[in-house]
Amino acid sequence: MDEFGSVAAVMGAPPDQWTRLLGAGHPAIDQLGATRTAMLHCLREEAIAAPIFANFDALLDYLQADMGRQREECLRALYLNARNELIRDDVLIQGTIDQVPVFPREVVRRAIELGAAAFILVHNHPSGNSEPSAKDVEATLRLRSAAALFDISLHDHIIVARDGATSLRRRGLL
């Protein structure tokens, strides 16, 4: 708790940070891992129990808990059917500490493979600040245009970080 500041921060920390603090092989590492897995499972189940927008705040909570404290940027897509139910949650690309490339061709190709009607793009900011950058907005608009050519909707782009989660749609940027 002294190191991370809160239970949420402990659960959101990458397991290698637990090992660094407690030492390799410490029994608490397995217990923390099991607790984190159970917590994420519960948050995910609540977030996707109904059409994804029925409980959007639960989705944001799940994504922040899962990705908000990662040390490298990660891009994932939540592919949805025509009723906005989750078909697949795919991690698409692991990036670096301050960037992750977005390849519209790959995101849209996967949507077509899955028969998705729509998707939500998600990535994290290891800096801790969930504010979208100009590049984030530009990449989102480019991806929306590419998906529209195939009648696939980009419903949102969510950026998660330690400080919270930001929806580009809620901000009026999409």
N, C-alpha and C. Protein backbone atom coordinates (compact mmCIF):
# COMPACT_ATOMS: atom_id res chain seq x y z
N MET A 1 0.83 -1.20 0.00
CA MET A 1 0.00 0.00 0.00
C MET A 1 0.87 1.25 0.00
N ASP A 2 2.00 1.19 0.70
CA ASP A 2 2.89 2.36 0.71
C ASP A 2 3.40 2.67 -0.69
N GLU A 3 3.68 1.65 -1.45
CA GLU A 3 4.21 1.82 -2.80
C GLU A 3 3.16 2.32 -3.79
N PHE A 4 1.95 1.75 -3.73
CA PHE A 4 0.94 2.02 -4.75
C PHE A 4 -0.12 3.02 -4.32
N GLY A 5 -0.39 3.14 -3.04
CA GLY A 5 -1.32 4.15 -2.56
C GLY A 5 -2.76 3.72 -2.37
N SER A 6 -3.20 2.67 -3.05
CA SER A 6 -4.58 2.21 -2.89
C SER A 6 -4.69 0.76 -3.30
N VAL A 7 -5.77 0.12 -2.88
CA VAL A 7 -6.00 -1.27 -3.27
C VAL A 7 -6.18 -1.35 -4.79
N ALA A 8 -6.91 -0.39 -5.35
CA ALA A 8 -7.11 -0.37 -6.81
C ALA A 8 -5.78 -0.29 -7.54
N ALA A 9 -4.87 0.51 -7.03
CA ALA A 9 -3.55 0.64 -7.67
C ALA A 9 -2.75 -0.66 -7.54
N VAL A 10 -2.85 -1.32 -6.41
CA VAL A 10 -2.16 -2.61 -6.24
C VAL A 10 -2.71 -3.61 -7.25
N MET A 11 -4.03 -3.70 -7.36
CA MET A 11 -4.64 -4.67 -8.28
C MET A 11 -4.38 -4.32 -9.73
N GLY A 12 -4.21 -3.05 -10.03
CA GLY A 12 -3.97 -2.62 -11.41
C GLY A 12 -2.51 -2.68 -11.82
N ALA A 13 -1.62 -2.86 -10.86
CA ALA A 13 -0.19 -2.88 -11.16
C ALA A 13 0.19 -4.15 -11.92
N PRO A 14 1.12 -4.05 -12.85
CA PRO A 14 1.60 -5.25 -13.53
C PRO A 14 2.26 -6.20 -12.53
N PRO A 15 2.09 -7.51 -12.69
CA PRO A 15 2.65 -8.49 -11.75
C PRO A 15 4.16 -8.37 -11.54
N ASP A 16 4.89 -7.88 -12.53
CA ASP A 16 6.34 -7.75 -12.33
C ASP A 16 6.67 -6.69 -11.28
N GLN A 17 5.76 -5.74 -11.07
CA GLN A 17 5.97 -4.76 -10.00
C GLN A 17 5.77 -5.41 -8.64
N TRP A 18 4.83 -6.34 -8.54
CA TRP A 18 4.65 -7.07 -7.29
C TRP A 18 5.91 -7.87 -6.98
N THR A 19 6.47 -8.52 -8.00
CA THR A 19 7.68 -9.32 -7.83
C THR A 19 8.84 -8.45 -7.40
N ARG A 20 8.96 -7.27 -8.01
CA ARG A 20 10.04 -6.35 -7.65
C ARG A 20 9.97 -5.97 -6.18
N LEU A 21 8.76 -5.73 -5.69
CA LEU A 21 8.59 -5.31 -4.29
C LEU A 21 8.71 -6.46 -3.30
N LEU A 22 8.13 -7.61 -3.65
CA LEU A 22 8.02 -8.71 -2.70
C LEU A 22 9.11 -9.78 -2.86
N GLY A 23 9.72 -9.81 -4.04
CA GLY A 23 10.73 -10.82 -4.32
C GLY A 23 10.11 -12.01 -5.05
N ALA A 24 10.88 -12.58 -5.95
CA ALA A 24 10.41 -13.72 -6.75
C ALA A 24 10.00 -14.87 -5.84
N GLY A 25 8.89 -15.50 -6.19
CA GLY A 25 8.44 -16.66 -5.43
C GLY A 25 7.63 -16.36 -4.19
N HIS A 26 7.45 -15.10 -3.85
CA HIS A 26 6.67 -14.74 -2.66
C HIS A 26 5.23 -15.23 -2.85
N PRO A 27 4.65 -15.92 -1.86
CA PRO A 27 3.30 -16.48 -2.01
C PRO A 27 2.22 -15.42 -2.25
N ALA A 28 2.44 -14.22 -1.81
CA ALA A 28 1.43 -13.18 -2.01
C ALA A 28 1.27 -12.83 -3.49
N ILE A 29 2.29 -13.07 -4.29
CA ILE A 29 2.20 -12.74 -5.72
C ILE A 29 1.11 -13.59 -6.38
N ASP A 30 1.08 -14.88 -6.08
CA ASP A 30 0.03 -15.74 -6.64
C ASP A 30 -1.35 -15.33 -6.13
N GLN A 31 -1.43 -14.95 -4.86
CA GLN A 31 -2.71 -14.53 -4.30
C GLN A 31 -3.19 -13.23 -4.95
N LEU A 32 -2.26 -12.29 -5.13
CA LEU A 32 -2.62 -11.04 -5.79
C LEU A 32 -3.07 -11.30 -7.22
N GLY A 33 -2.36 -12.18 -7.91
CA GLY A 33 -2.72 -12.52 -9.29
C GLY A 33 -4.11 -13.13 -9.38
N ALA A 34 -4.41 -14.05 -8.47
CA ALA A 34 -5.73 -14.68 -8.46
C ALA A 34 -6.83 -13.67 -8.13
N THR A 35 -6.55 -12.78 -7.21
CA THR A 35 -7.52 -11.75 -6.84
C THR A 35 -7.76 -10.80 -8.02
N ARG A 36 -6.67 -10.41 -8.70
CA ARG A 36 -6.79 -9.52 -9.86
C ARG A 36 -7.62 -10.18 -10.95
N THR A 37 -7.35 -11.45 -11.22
CA THR A 37 -8.09 -12.18 -12.25
C THR A 37 -9.58 -12.23 -11.90
N ALA A 38 -9.90 -12.53 -10.65
CA ALA A 38 -11.30 -12.58 -10.23
C ALA A 38 -11.96 -11.21 -10.33
N MET A 39 -11.25 -10.17 -9.92
CA MET A 39 -11.78 -8.82 -9.98
C MET A 39 -12.09 -8.43 -11.43
N LEU A 40 -11.14 -8.68 -12.34
CA LEU A 40 -11.35 -8.34 -13.75
C LEU A 40 -12.50 -9.16 -14.35
N HIS A 41 -12.60 -10.41 -13.96
CA HIS A 41 -13.69 -11.24 -14.46
C HIS A 41 -15.04 -10.66 -14.03
N CYS A 42 -15.16 -10.27 -12.77
CA CYS A 42 -16.41 -9.68 -12.28
C CYS A 42 -16.73 -8.38 -12.98
N LEU A 43 -15.74 -7.51 -13.15
CA LEU A 43 -15.96 -6.24 -13.84
C LEU A 43 -16.36 -6.46 -15.30
N ARG A 44 -15.68 -7.41 -15.95
CA ARG A 44 -15.99 -7.70 -17.36
C ARG A 44 -17.40 -8.24 -17.49
N GLU A 45 -17.79 -9.17 -16.63
CA GLU A 45 -19.13 -9.75 -16.70
C GLU A 45 -20.20 -8.67 -16.52
N GLU A 46 -19.98 -7.75 -15.60
CA GLU A 46 -20.94 -6.66 -15.38
C GLU A 46 -21.01 -5.76 -16.61
N ALA A 47 -19.85 -5.51 -17.23
CA ALA A 47 -19.79 -4.60 -18.37
C ALA A 47 -20.46 -5.17 -19.61
N ILE A 48 -20.40 -6.49 -19.79
CA ILE A 48 -20.93 -7.07 -21.03
C ILE A 48 -22.18 -7.92 -20.82
N ALA A 49 -22.81 -7.80 -19.67
CA ALA A 49 -24.00 -8.61 -19.37
C ALA A 49 -25.16 -8.30 -20.32
N ALA A 50 -25.19 -7.14 -20.89
CA ALA A 50 -26.25 -6.69 -21.79
C ALA A 50 -25.57 -5.98 -22.95
N PRO A 51 -26.34 -5.42 -23.86
CA PRO A 51 -25.67 -4.61 -24.89
C PRO A 51 -24.68 -3.64 -24.24
N ILE A 52 -23.56 -3.47 -24.88
CA ILE A 52 -22.41 -2.80 -24.28
C ILE A 52 -22.72 -1.39 -23.77
N PHE A 53 -23.69 -0.72 -24.38
CA PHE A 53 -23.99 0.64 -23.95
C PHE A 53 -25.03 0.70 -22.82
N ALA A 54 -25.56 -0.46 -22.43
CA ALA A 54 -26.54 -0.49 -21.35
C ALA A 54 -25.90 -0.09 -20.03
N ASN A 55 -24.62 -0.37 -19.88
CA ASN A 55 -23.91 0.00 -18.66
C ASN A 55 -22.50 0.48 -19.05
N PHE A 56 -22.46 1.61 -19.74
CA PHE A 56 -21.20 2.12 -20.28
C PHE A 56 -20.20 2.45 -19.18
N ASP A 57 -20.66 2.94 -18.05
CA ASP A 57 -19.74 3.24 -16.95
C ASP A 57 -19.08 1.98 -16.42
N ALA A 58 -19.79 0.86 -16.42
CA ALA A 58 -19.19 -0.42 -16.00
C ALA A 58 -18.10 -0.83 -16.99
N LEU A 59 -18.33 -0.57 -18.28
CA LEU A 59 -17.31 -0.86 -19.29
C LEU A 59 -16.06 -0.02 -19.03
N LEU A 60 -16.25 1.26 -18.74
CA LEU A 60 -15.11 2.13 -18.46
C LEU A 60 -14.35 1.65 -17.22
N ASP A 61 -15.08 1.23 -16.18
CA ASP A 61 -14.43 0.71 -14.96
C ASP A 61 -13.59 -0.52 -15.27
N TYR A 62 -14.15 -1.44 -16.07
CA TYR A 62 -13.43 -2.66 -16.44
C TYR A 62 -12.17 -2.33 -17.22
N LEU A 63 -12.30 -1.46 -18.22
CA LEU A 63 -11.14 -1.13 -19.06
C LEU A 63 -10.06 -0.41 -18.26
N GLN A 64 -10.46 0.49 -17.37
CA GLN A 64 -9.47 1.18 -16.56
C GLN A 64 -8.75 0.21 -15.62
N ALA A 65 -9.49 -0.69 -15.01
CA ALA A 65 -8.87 -1.67 -14.12
C ALA A 65 -7.92 -2.59 -14.88
N ASP A 66 -8.29 -2.94 -16.09
CA ASP A 66 -7.49 -3.87 -16.88
C ASP A 66 -6.27 -3.21 -17.51
N MET A 67 -6.41 -1.98 -17.98
CA MET A 67 -5.35 -1.36 -18.78
C MET A 67 -4.76 -0.08 -18.20
N GLY A 68 -5.40 0.49 -17.22
CA GLY A 68 -5.05 1.84 -16.76
C GLY A 68 -3.65 2.02 -16.22
N ARG A 69 -3.02 0.95 -15.77
CA ARG A 69 -1.69 1.07 -15.18
C ARG A 69 -0.62 0.31 -15.94
N GLN A 70 -0.94 -0.09 -17.16
CA GLN A 70 0.08 -0.76 -17.98
C GLN A 70 1.18 0.23 -18.33
N ARG A 71 2.40 -0.29 -18.46
CA ARG A 71 3.55 0.59 -18.71
C ARG A 71 3.82 0.82 -20.19
N GLU A 72 3.19 0.04 -21.05
CA GLU A 72 3.30 0.25 -22.49
C GLU A 72 1.90 0.46 -23.05
N GLU A 73 1.83 1.25 -24.11
CA GLU A 73 0.53 1.45 -24.75
C GLU A 73 0.10 0.15 -25.40
N CYS A 74 -1.20 -0.06 -25.37
CA CYS A 74 -1.81 -1.26 -25.92
C CYS A 74 -3.07 -0.83 -26.65
N LEU A 75 -3.28 -1.39 -27.84
CA LEU A 75 -4.48 -1.08 -28.61
C LEU A 75 -5.35 -2.34 -28.67
N ARG A 76 -6.61 -2.17 -28.33
CA ARG A 76 -7.54 -3.29 -28.41
C ARG A 76 -8.82 -2.82 -29.05
N ALA A 77 -9.60 -3.77 -29.54
CA ALA A 77 -10.89 -3.46 -30.13
C ALA A 77 -11.94 -4.38 -29.53
N LEU A 78 -13.07 -3.80 -29.22
CA LEU A 78 -14.23 -4.55 -28.76
C LEU A 78 -15.18 -4.64 -29.95
N TYR A 79 -15.25 -5.82 -30.54
CA TYR A 79 -16.08 -6.02 -31.73
C TYR A 79 -17.49 -6.40 -31.30
N LEU A 80 -18.48 -5.77 -31.93
CA LEU A 80 -19.88 -5.90 -31.51
C LEU A 80 -20.76 -6.41 -32.65
N ASN A 81 -21.82 -7.12 -32.29
CA ASN A 81 -22.80 -7.53 -33.29
C ASN A 81 -23.80 -6.40 -33.51
N ALA A 82 -24.83 -6.67 -34.28
CA ALA A 82 -25.81 -5.62 -34.62
C ALA A 82 -26.62 -5.16 -33.41
N ARG A 83 -26.65 -5.95 -32.33
CA ARG A 83 -27.36 -5.55 -31.11
C ARG A 83 -26.41 -4.94 -30.09
N ASN A 84 -25.20 -4.63 -30.51
CA ASN A 84 -24.15 -4.05 -29.66
C ASN A 84 -23.75 -4.97 -28.52
N GLU A 85 -23.81 -6.27 -28.76
CA GLU A 85 -23.31 -7.25 -27.81
C GLU A 85 -21.90 -7.63 -28.21
N LEU A 86 -21.07 -7.88 -27.24
CA LEU A 86 -19.68 -8.18 -27.50
C LEU A 86 -19.52 -9.52 -28.21
N ILE A 87 -18.82 -9.48 -29.34
CA ILE A 87 -18.44 -10.70 -30.06
C ILE A 87 -17.05 -11.13 -29.61
N ARG A 88 -16.15 -10.12 -29.56
CA ARG A 88 -14.75 -10.43 -29.27
C ARG A 88 -14.06 -9.19 -28.71
N ASP A 89 -13.18 -9.41 -27.77
CA ASP A 89 -12.33 -8.37 -27.18
C ASP A 89 -10.91 -8.75 -27.57
N ASP A 90 -10.36 -8.07 -28.57
CA ASP A 90 -9.04 -8.42 -29.11
C ASP A 90 -7.99 -7.38 -28.76
N VAL A 91 -6.87 -7.85 -28.22
CA VAL A 91 -5.70 -6.98 -28.13
C VAL A 91 -5.04 -7.03 -29.50
N LEU A 92 -4.94 -5.87 -30.15
CA LEU A 92 -4.45 -5.81 -31.52
C LEU A 92 -2.95 -5.58 -31.61
N ILE A 93 -2.46 -4.64 -30.78
CA ILE A 93 -1.05 -4.27 -30.88
C ILE A 93 -0.53 -3.84 -29.52
N GLN A 94 0.65 -4.30 -29.16
CA GLN A 94 1.38 -3.80 -28.00
C GLN A 94 2.34 -2.74 -28.52
N GLY A 95 2.31 -1.57 -27.94
CA GLY A 95 3.15 -0.48 -28.39
C GLY A 95 4.34 -0.24 -27.48
N THR A 96 4.76 1.00 -27.42
CA THR A 96 5.88 1.40 -26.58
C THR A 96 5.34 2.23 -25.41
N ILE A 97 6.23 2.87 -24.68
CA ILE A 97 5.80 3.63 -23.52
C ILE A 97 4.96 4.86 -23.87
N ASP A 98 5.04 5.31 -25.13
CA ASP A 98 4.28 6.52 -25.46
C ASP A 98 3.60 6.50 -26.82
N GLN A 99 3.52 5.33 -27.46
CA GLN A 99 2.79 5.28 -28.72
C GLN A 99 2.43 3.85 -29.09
N VAL A 100 1.37 3.76 -29.86
CA VAL A 100 0.95 2.47 -30.42
C VAL A 100 0.43 2.78 -31.82
N PRO A 101 0.93 2.08 -32.82
CA PRO A 101 0.46 2.35 -34.18
C PRO A 101 -0.95 1.82 -34.39
N VAL A 102 -1.74 2.54 -35.18
CA VAL A 102 -3.09 2.12 -35.52
C VAL A 102 -3.09 1.85 -37.03
N PHE A 103 -3.38 0.61 -37.39
CA PHE A 103 -3.44 0.23 -38.80
C PHE A 103 -4.90 -0.05 -39.16
N PRO A 104 -5.59 0.94 -39.77
CA PRO A 104 -7.01 0.76 -40.08
C PRO A 104 -7.30 -0.54 -40.83
N ARG A 105 -6.42 -0.91 -41.75
CA ARG A 105 -6.63 -2.13 -42.53
C ARG A 105 -6.78 -3.35 -41.63
N GLU A 106 -5.94 -3.45 -40.60
CA GLU A 106 -5.97 -4.61 -39.71
C GLU A 106 -7.19 -4.61 -38.80
N VAL A 107 -7.56 -3.45 -38.31
CA VAL A 107 -8.73 -3.35 -37.43
C VAL A 107 -9.99 -3.71 -38.19
N VAL A 108 -10.13 -3.17 -39.41
CA VAL A 108 -11.32 -3.42 -40.22
C VAL A 108 -11.32 -4.87 -40.73
N ARG A 109 -10.17 -5.39 -41.12
CA ARG A 109 -10.08 -6.78 -41.57
C ARG A 109 -10.61 -7.73 -40.49
N ARG A 110 -10.21 -7.49 -39.25
CA ARG A 110 -10.65 -8.34 -38.14
C ARG A 110 -12.17 -8.21 -37.93
N ALA A 111 -12.69 -7.01 -38.06
CA ALA A 111 -14.14 -6.80 -37.93
C ALA A 111 -14.90 -7.60 -38.99
N ILE A 112 -14.39 -7.60 -40.21
CA ILE A 112 -15.02 -8.36 -41.29
C ILE A 112 -14.95 -9.85 -41.00
N GLU A 113 -13.78 -10.32 -40.56
CA GLU A 113 -13.61 -11.75 -40.23
C GLU A 113 -14.63 -12.20 -39.18
N LEU A 114 -14.88 -11.35 -38.20
CA LEU A 114 -15.78 -11.69 -37.09
C LEU A 114 -17.26 -11.45 -37.42
N GLY A 115 -17.52 -10.79 -38.54
CA GLY A 115 -18.89 -10.43 -38.87
C GLY A 115 -19.42 -9.34 -37.97
N ALA A 116 -18.55 -8.48 -37.50
CA ALA A 116 -18.94 -7.40 -36.59
C ALA A 116 -19.68 -6.29 -37.33
N ALA A 117 -20.68 -5.74 -36.69
CA ALA A 117 -21.40 -4.59 -37.22
C ALA A 117 -20.77 -3.29 -36.76
N ALA A 118 -20.04 -3.37 -35.64
CA ALA A 118 -19.45 -2.17 -35.05
C ALA A 118 -18.29 -2.57 -34.14
N PHE A 119 -17.57 -1.58 -33.69
CA PHE A 119 -16.51 -1.83 -32.72
C PHE A 119 -16.22 -0.58 -31.93
N ILE A 120 -15.56 -0.80 -30.80
CA ILE A 120 -15.07 0.28 -29.95
C ILE A 120 -13.57 0.10 -29.87
N LEU A 121 -12.84 1.13 -30.18
CA LEU A 121 -11.39 1.11 -30.09
C LEU A 121 -11.00 1.55 -28.68
N VAL A 122 -9.99 0.90 -28.12
CA VAL A 122 -9.54 1.23 -26.76
C VAL A 122 -8.02 1.22 -26.75
N HIS A 123 -7.43 2.23 -26.14
CA HIS A 123 -6.00 2.16 -25.86
C HIS A 123 -5.71 2.90 -24.56
N ASN A 124 -4.52 2.66 -24.03
CA ASN A 124 -4.16 3.26 -22.74
C ASN A 124 -3.05 4.28 -22.92
N HIS A 125 -2.94 5.15 -21.94
CA HIS A 125 -1.85 6.13 -21.86
C HIS A 125 -1.06 5.85 -20.59
N PRO A 126 0.13 5.26 -20.71
CA PRO A 126 0.95 4.98 -19.53
C PRO A 126 1.34 6.23 -18.74
N SER A 127 1.24 7.39 -19.37
CA SER A 127 1.58 8.65 -18.69
C SER A 127 0.67 8.89 -17.49
N GLY A 128 -0.50 8.25 -17.49
CA GLY A 128 -1.46 8.46 -16.41
C GLY A 128 -2.56 9.43 -16.76
N ASN A 129 -2.45 10.11 -17.90
CA ASN A 129 -3.40 11.13 -18.32
C ASN A 129 -4.24 10.57 -19.47
N SER A 130 -5.54 10.52 -19.31
CA SER A 130 -6.41 9.93 -20.32
C SER A 130 -6.86 10.91 -21.41
N GLU A 131 -6.33 12.11 -21.40
CA GLU A 131 -6.70 13.10 -22.41
C GLU A 131 -6.23 12.64 -23.79
N PRO A 132 -7.11 12.73 -24.81
CA PRO A 132 -6.70 12.33 -26.16
C PRO A 132 -5.74 13.36 -26.77
N SER A 133 -4.76 12.83 -27.50
CA SER A 133 -3.84 13.71 -28.21
C SER A 133 -4.42 14.01 -29.59
N ALA A 134 -3.83 14.97 -30.28
CA ALA A 134 -4.26 15.28 -31.65
C ALA A 134 -4.08 14.05 -32.54
N LYS A 135 -3.01 13.29 -32.32
CA LYS A 135 -2.79 12.06 -33.11
C LYS A 135 -3.86 11.02 -32.82
N ASP A 136 -4.31 10.93 -31.57
CA ASP A 136 -5.38 10.00 -31.22
C ASP A 136 -6.65 10.34 -31.99
N VAL A 137 -6.99 11.61 -32.03
CA VAL A 137 -8.21 12.04 -32.72
C VAL A 137 -8.07 11.81 -34.23
N GLU A 138 -6.92 12.15 -34.78
CA GLU A 138 -6.69 11.96 -36.22
C GLU A 138 -6.79 10.48 -36.60
N ALA A 139 -6.15 9.61 -35.85
CA ALA A 139 -6.19 8.17 -36.13
C ALA A 139 -7.61 7.64 -36.01
N THR A 140 -8.37 8.14 -35.06
CA THR A 140 -9.75 7.71 -34.86
C THR A 140 -10.61 8.07 -36.06
N LEU A 141 -10.48 9.29 -36.53
CA LEU A 141 -11.28 9.73 -37.67
C LEU A 141 -10.90 8.97 -38.94
N ARG A 142 -9.62 8.68 -39.11
CA ARG A 142 -9.15 7.89 -40.25
C ARG A 142 -9.73 6.47 -40.19
N LEU A 143 -9.73 5.89 -39.01
CA LEU A 143 -10.26 4.55 -38.83
C LEU A 143 -11.78 4.52 -39.04
N ARG A 144 -12.46 5.52 -38.56
CA ARG A 144 -13.91 5.60 -38.76
C ARG A 144 -14.25 5.62 -40.25
N SER A 145 -13.49 6.41 -41.01
CA SER A 145 -13.73 6.49 -42.46
C SER A 145 -13.47 5.16 -43.14
N ALA A 146 -12.40 4.49 -42.76
CA ALA A 146 -12.07 3.19 -43.36
C ALA A 146 -13.16 2.17 -43.05
N ALA A 147 -13.62 2.12 -41.82
CA ALA A 147 -14.66 1.16 -41.43
C ALA A 147 -15.98 1.44 -42.14
N ALA A 148 -16.29 2.71 -42.32
CA ALA A 148 -17.55 3.09 -42.96
C ALA A 148 -17.65 2.57 -44.39
N LEU A 149 -16.52 2.40 -45.06
CA LEU A 149 -16.52 1.86 -46.42
C LEU A 149 -17.10 0.45 -46.46
N PHE A 150 -17.06 -0.24 -45.33
CA PHE A 150 -17.56 -1.61 -45.24
C PHE A 150 -18.84 -1.69 -44.38
N ASP A 151 -19.49 -0.56 -44.17
CA ASP A 151 -20.70 -0.47 -43.35
C ASP A 151 -20.48 -0.99 -41.94
N ILE A 152 -19.31 -0.72 -41.39
CA ILE A 152 -18.99 -1.06 -40.01
C ILE A 152 -18.85 0.25 -39.25
N SER A 153 -19.50 0.34 -38.09
CA SER A 153 -19.49 1.58 -37.32
C SER A 153 -18.40 1.55 -36.25
N LEU A 154 -17.71 2.65 -36.13
CA LEU A 154 -16.81 2.87 -35.00
C LEU A 154 -17.63 3.65 -33.98
N HIS A 155 -18.07 2.97 -32.93
CA HIS A 155 -18.94 3.61 -31.94
C HIS A 155 -18.19 4.58 -31.02
N ASP A 156 -16.94 4.25 -30.70
CA ASP A 156 -16.21 5.09 -29.75
C ASP A 156 -14.73 4.74 -29.78
N HIS A 157 -13.94 5.63 -29.25
CA HIS A 157 -12.53 5.38 -28.97
C HIS A 157 -12.34 5.81 -27.52
N ILE A 158 -11.95 4.86 -26.70
CA ILE A 158 -11.81 5.12 -25.27
C ILE A 158 -10.33 5.08 -24.92
N ILE A 159 -9.89 6.07 -24.19
CA ILE A 159 -8.51 6.12 -23.71
C ILE A 159 -8.54 5.96 -22.21
N VAL A 160 -7.79 4.99 -21.70
CA VAL A 160 -7.75 4.73 -20.27
C VAL A 160 -6.37 5.03 -19.71
N ALA A 161 -6.35 5.45 -18.47
CA ALA A 161 -5.10 5.75 -17.77
C ALA A 161 -5.37 5.68 -16.27
N ARG A 162 -4.34 5.92 -15.49
CA ARG A 162 -4.51 5.91 -14.03
C ARG A 162 -5.55 6.92 -13.58
N ASP A 163 -5.65 8.06 -14.26
CA ASP A 163 -6.55 9.12 -13.83
C ASP A 163 -8.00 8.91 -14.24
N GLY A 164 -8.28 7.88 -15.01
CA GLY A 164 -9.65 7.64 -15.44
C GLY A 164 -9.70 7.19 -16.89
N ALA A 165 -10.86 7.37 -17.49
CA ALA A 165 -11.07 6.98 -18.87
C ALA A 165 -11.78 8.12 -19.60
N THR A 166 -11.41 8.31 -20.86
CA THR A 166 -12.00 9.36 -21.67
C THR A 166 -12.61 8.75 -22.92
N SER A 167 -13.87 9.05 -23.17
CA SER A 167 -14.58 8.62 -24.36
C SER A 167 -14.53 9.75 -25.38
N LEU A 168 -13.98 9.47 -26.57
CA LEU A 168 -13.95 10.51 -27.61
C LEU A 168 -15.36 10.87 -28.04
N ARG A 169 -16.28 9.90 -28.04
CA ARG A 169 -17.66 10.19 -28.41
C ARG A 169 -18.29 11.16 -27.40
N ARG A 170 -18.11 10.89 -26.12
CA ARG A 170 -18.68 11.77 -25.09
C ARG A 170 -18.08 13.18 -25.17
N ARG A 171 -16.85 13.26 -25.64
CA ARG A 171 -16.19 14.56 -25.78
C ARG A 171 -16.60 15.29 -27.04
N GLY A 172 -17.39 14.63 -27.90
CA GLY A 172 -17.80 15.25 -29.15
C GLY A 172 -16.72 15.22 -30.21
N LEU A 173 -15.73 14.34 -30.07
CA LEU A 173 -14.63 14.27 -31.02
C LEU A 173 -14.81 13.17 -32.05
N LEU A 174 -15.94 12.47 -31.97
CA LEU A 174 -16.20 11.37 -32.90
C LEU A 174 -17.62 11.45 -33.39
